[in-house]
Amino acid sequence: VQLQASGGGSVQPGDSLKLSCVVSGRTLSGFTLGWFRQTPGKEREFVTSIRWSGGTTAYADSVKGRFTISRDIAKNTVYLEMKSLKAEDTALYHCATGYGIIISSQRRANAYNYWGQGTQVTVSS
């Protein structure tokens, strides 16, 4: 399984960005797709996730109402639409996936087996 994230960039506070993550190598039935972010010296932080089968989503409180995760089943792609970006959203954003992740574990990075390289998001005035 390979994941390729893209769409990051440098924006100003209040702007929007849409990240994409293309997953290749297998079908994703039974998988959960997640977005995590990381800044230097800190652990990876859960941002959001979506269960491929059924589309159930979860969000970190810090992004709820501003970020939206979605998927395109035909394209094996998951999206992260980010609005009203803040300086504290600056991070390297990773997409990840794993099979059979139970709901209580979907916010844990170690529940995900496969990771993409990440795409940098910088929010600065």
Protein backbone atom coordinates (compact mmCIF):
# COMPACT_ATOMS: atom_id res chain seq x y z
CA VAL A 1 0.00 0.00 0.00
CA GLN A 2 1.36 3.40 -0.97
CA LEU A 3 0.03 6.80 -0.04
CA GLN A 4 0.91 10.05 -1.77
CA ALA A 5 -0.18 13.29 -0.16
CA SER A 6 -0.23 16.61 -1.97
CA GLY A 7 -1.76 20.07 -1.87
CA GLY A 8 0.18 21.73 0.90
CA GLY A 9 1.52 25.24 0.67
CA SER A 10 2.03 28.58 2.34
CA VAL A 11 -1.09 30.61 3.05
CA GLN A 12 -2.24 33.45 5.25
CA PRO A 13 -4.46 33.12 8.31
CA GLY A 14 -8.07 32.73 7.28
CA ASP A 15 -7.23 31.13 3.95
CA SER A 16 -8.21 27.68 2.75
CA LEU A 17 -6.32 24.67 1.40
CA LYS A 18 -7.36 21.26 0.15
CA LEU A 19 -5.05 18.31 0.62
CA SER A 20 -5.29 15.09 -1.35
CA CYS A 21 -4.03 11.62 -0.59
CA VAL A 22 -4.01 9.00 -3.30
CA VAL A 23 -3.84 5.43 -2.08
CA SER A 24 -2.57 2.70 -4.37
CA GLY A 25 -1.83 -0.96 -4.02
CA ARG A 26 -5.15 -2.38 -2.93
CA THR A 27 -8.82 -1.76 -2.45
CA LEU A 28 -9.72 -0.01 0.76
CA SER A 29 -12.79 -1.84 1.95
CA GLY A 30 -12.41 -2.25 5.71
CA PHE A 31 -9.71 0.39 5.95
CA THR A 32 -9.68 3.67 7.83
CA LEU A 33 -7.96 6.69 6.31
CA GLY A 34 -6.54 9.28 8.65
CA TRP A 35 -4.80 12.62 8.56
CA PHE A 36 -2.21 13.42 11.19
CA ARG A 37 0.05 16.44 11.54
CA GLN A 38 3.41 16.94 13.12
CA THR A 39 5.59 19.88 14.06
CA PRO A 40 9.28 19.66 14.99
CA GLY A 41 9.84 18.18 18.42
CA LYS A 42 6.26 17.05 18.87
CA GLU A 43 4.43 13.79 18.38
CA ARG A 44 2.07 13.25 15.51
CA GLU A 45 -1.31 14.72 16.27
CA PHE A 46 -4.59 13.24 15.08
CA VAL A 47 -6.52 15.57 12.81
CA THR A 48 -9.33 13.55 11.27
CA SER A 49 -10.26 10.14 9.94
CA ILE A 50 -12.81 8.45 7.72
CA ARG A 51 -13.85 4.85 7.49
CA TRP A 52 -13.67 3.85 3.85
CA SER A 53 -16.71 1.60 4.10
CA GLY A 54 -19.59 3.77 5.25
CA GLY A 55 -17.76 7.08 5.46
CA THR A 56 -17.99 7.62 9.22
CA THR A 57 -15.74 10.51 10.21
CA ALA A 58 -14.01 11.78 13.33
CA TYR A 59 -12.30 15.09 14.03
CA ALA A 60 -9.94 16.55 16.57
CA ASP A 61 -11.62 19.28 18.59
CA SER A 62 -9.06 21.80 17.34
CA VAL A 63 -10.23 21.44 13.73
CA LYS A 64 -13.90 20.60 14.12
CA GLY A 65 -16.03 22.96 12.08
CA ARG A 66 -13.07 24.16 9.99
CA PHE A 67 -11.75 20.96 8.41
CA THR A 68 -13.66 18.41 6.36
CA ILE A 69 -12.49 14.96 5.35
CA SER A 70 -14.02 13.19 2.37
CA ARG A 71 -13.23 10.36 0.00
CA ASP A 72 -13.63 9.53 -3.66
CA ILE A 73 -14.03 5.79 -3.86
CA ALA A 74 -13.54 5.64 -7.61
CA LYS A 75 -10.23 7.48 -7.35
CA ASN A 76 -9.01 5.79 -4.14
CA THR A 77 -8.40 9.28 -2.83
CA VAL A 78 -9.10 10.99 0.45
CA TYR A 79 -9.30 14.76 0.77
CA LEU A 80 -8.80 17.19 3.62
CA GLU A 81 -10.46 20.53 3.05
CA MET A 82 -9.15 23.12 5.47
CA LYS A 83 -10.83 26.47 6.00
CA SER A 84 -10.20 29.40 8.31
CA LEU A 85 -6.61 28.30 8.72
CA LYS A 86 -4.71 29.48 11.76
CA ALA A 87 -1.01 29.79 12.49
CA GLU A 88 -1.29 26.82 14.83
CA ASP A 89 -2.36 24.65 11.90
CA THR A 90 1.16 24.93 10.53
CA ALA A 91 2.59 21.41 10.34
CA LEU A 92 3.62 18.55 8.12
CA TYR A 93 0.42 16.74 7.27
CA HIS A 94 0.52 12.97 6.78
CA CYS A 95 -2.14 10.66 5.49
CA ALA A 96 -2.22 7.14 6.82
CA THR A 97 -4.29 4.01 6.56
CA GLY A 98 -4.85 0.75 8.34
CA TYR A 99 -7.18 -2.21 8.17
CA GLY A 100 -9.72 -3.06 10.80
CA ILE A 101 -9.02 -0.09 13.04
CA ILE A 102 -11.60 -0.03 15.79
CA ILE A 103 -13.32 3.25 16.55
CA SER A 104 -11.61 3.67 19.91
CA SER A 105 -8.19 3.47 18.22
CA GLN A 106 -8.70 5.65 15.18
CA ARG A 107 -7.12 8.68 16.86
CA ARG A 108 -3.91 6.81 17.63
CA ALA A 109 -1.04 7.02 15.16
CA ASN A 110 0.17 3.54 16.06
CA ALA A 111 -3.11 2.05 14.85
CA TYR A 112 -2.20 2.90 11.26
CA ASN A 113 0.12 0.61 9.31
CA TYR A 114 0.81 2.64 6.20
CA TRP A 115 1.95 6.24 5.94
CA GLY A 116 2.58 8.75 3.22
CA GLN A 117 5.53 11.14 3.20
CA GLY A 118 3.54 14.21 4.14
CA THR A 119 2.83 17.62 2.72
CA GLN A 120 3.79 20.86 4.44
CA VAL A 121 1.18 23.42 5.40
CA THR A 122 2.43 26.80 6.58
CA VAL A 123 0.03 29.46 7.81
CA SER A 124 1.67 32.81 8.34
CA SER A 125 0.98 36.47 7.81
